[in-house]
C-alpha atoms as a PDB file:
ATOM      1  CA  MET A   1      35.488   1.436  50.930  1.00  0.00           C
ATOM      2  CA  GLU A   2      39.100   1.393  52.020  1.00  0.00           C
ATOM      3  CA  THR A   3      41.346   4.436  52.114  1.00  0.00           C
ATOM      4  CA  LYS A   4      44.745   4.354  50.437  1.00  0.00           C
ATOM      5  CA  TYR A   5      46.238   6.803  52.925  1.00  0.00           C
ATOM      6  CA  ARG A   6      47.663   5.647  56.250  1.00  0.00           C
ATOM      7  CA  SER A   7      48.500   9.006  57.796  1.00  0.00           C
ATOM      8  CA  PHE A   8      47.670  12.688  57.546  1.00  0.00           C
ATOM      9  CA  ASP A   9      51.096  13.356  56.032  1.00  0.00           C
ATOM     10  CA  GLU A  10      50.376  11.001  53.130  1.00  0.00           C
ATOM     11  CA  LEU A  11      47.303  12.967  52.049  1.00  0.00           C
ATOM     12  CA  PRO A  12      47.672  15.155  48.959  1.00  0.00           C
ATOM     13  CA  LEU A  13      47.331  18.926  49.456  1.00  0.00           C
ATOM     14  CA  THR A  14      43.762  18.799  48.144  1.00  0.00           C
ATOM     15  CA  LEU A  15      41.227  15.990  48.274  1.00  0.00           C
ATOM     16  CA  ARG A  16      38.245  15.108  46.153  1.00  0.00           C
ATOM     17  CA  VAL A  17      34.931  14.404  47.852  1.00  0.00           C
ATOM     18  CA  GLU A  18      35.462  10.744  46.920  1.00  0.00           C
ATOM     19  CA  ASP A  19      38.751  10.792  48.876  1.00  0.00           C
ATOM     20  CA  LEU A  20      36.987  12.274  51.898  1.00  0.00           C
ATOM     21  CA  MET A  21      34.442   9.456  52.157  1.00  0.00           C
ATOM     22  CA  PRO A  22      36.740   6.626  53.323  1.00  0.00           C
ATOM     23  CA  ILE A  23      38.857   8.973  55.439  1.00  0.00           C
ATOM     24  CA  LEU A  24      35.843   9.991  57.527  1.00  0.00           C
ATOM     25  CA  GLY A  25      33.943   6.722  57.071  1.00  0.00           C
ATOM     26  CA  ILE A  26      30.934   8.474  55.569  1.00  0.00           C
ATOM     27  CA  GLY A  27      28.826   8.061  52.466  1.00  0.00           C
ATOM     28  CA  ARG A  28      28.728  10.168  49.331  1.00  0.00           C
ATOM     29  CA  ASN A  29      25.601  12.135  50.280  1.00  0.00           C
ATOM     30  CA  THR A  30      26.970  12.987  53.723  1.00  0.00           C
ATOM     31  CA  ALA A  31      30.309  14.075  52.265  1.00  0.00           C
ATOM     32  CA  TYR A  32      28.637  16.397  49.757  1.00  0.00           C
ATOM     33  CA  GLU A  33      26.331  17.785  52.457  1.00  0.00           C
ATOM     34  CA  LEU A  34      29.315  18.626  54.694  1.00  0.00           C
ATOM     35  CA  VAL A  35      30.876  20.531  51.800  1.00  0.00           C
ATOM     36  CA  ARG A  36      27.619  22.206  50.684  1.00  0.00           C
ATOM     37  CA  SER A  37      26.796  23.346  54.205  1.00  0.00           C
ATOM     38  CA  GLY A  38      30.271  24.807  54.722  1.00  0.00           C
ATOM     39  CA  GLN A  39      31.082  22.491  57.638  1.00  0.00           C
ATOM     40  CA  ILE A  40      34.085  21.420  55.585  1.00  0.00           C
ATOM     41  CA  ARG A  41      35.474  24.317  53.579  1.00  0.00           C
ATOM     42  CA  SER A  42      36.323  23.673  49.963  1.00  0.00           C
ATOM     43  CA  VAL A  43      37.355  25.423  46.784  1.00  0.00           C
ATOM     44  CA  LYS A  44      35.809  25.002  43.392  1.00  0.00           C
ATOM     45  CA  ILE A  45      38.168  24.734  40.443  1.00  0.00           C
ATOM     46  CA  GLY A  46      36.099  24.776  37.301  1.00  0.00           C
ATOM     47  CA  ARG A  47      33.384  22.218  37.992  1.00  0.00           C
ATOM     48  CA  GLN A  48      35.486  20.254  40.461  1.00  0.00           C
ATOM     49  CA  ILE A  49      35.344  20.522  44.248  1.00  0.00           C
ATOM     50  CA  ARG A  50      38.649  20.291  46.094  1.00  0.00           C
ATOM     51  CA  ILE A  51      39.092  20.153  49.853  1.00  0.00           C
ATOM     52  CA  PRO A  52      42.404  21.335  51.325  1.00  0.00           C
ATOM     53  CA  LYS A  53      43.696  18.674  53.692  1.00  0.00           C
ATOM     54  CA  GLN A  54      44.039  21.272  56.465  1.00  0.00           C
ATOM     55  CA  GLU A  55      40.258  21.765  56.290  1.00  0.00           C
ATOM     56  CA  VAL A  56      39.709  18.073  57.028  1.00  0.00           C
ATOM     57  CA  PHE A  57      41.954  18.430  60.075  1.00  0.00           C
ATOM     58  CA  ALA A  58      40.109  21.609  61.138  1.00  0.00           C
ATOM     59  CA  PHE A  59      36.739  19.868  60.785  1.00  0.00           C
ATOM     60  CA  LEU A  60      37.850  16.923  62.908  1.00  0.00           C
ATOM     61  CA  HIS A  61      39.373  19.226  65.509  1.00  0.00           C
ATOM     62  CA  GLN A  62      36.145  21.252  65.664  1.00  0.00           C
ATOM     63  CA  GLN A  63      34.094  18.078  66.184  1.00  0.00           C
ATOM     64  CA  THR A  64      36.210  16.929  69.103  1.00  0.00           C
ATOM     65  CA  GLY A  65      36.702  20.284  70.765  1.00  0.00           C
END
């Protein structure tokens, strides 16, 4: 799966789990597990899960630091 974003600045303010998958190079189950476990913080709007792009950055920073 190929991502349509080339830089962090191009990302929308919130991402869907499906957007997260190609960005991190992970599968659907792994993406949902990261959200469910709280490793990547998200907000629920109705029945939809949205991930603020800053939380993706924070997750990556936490993994490298």
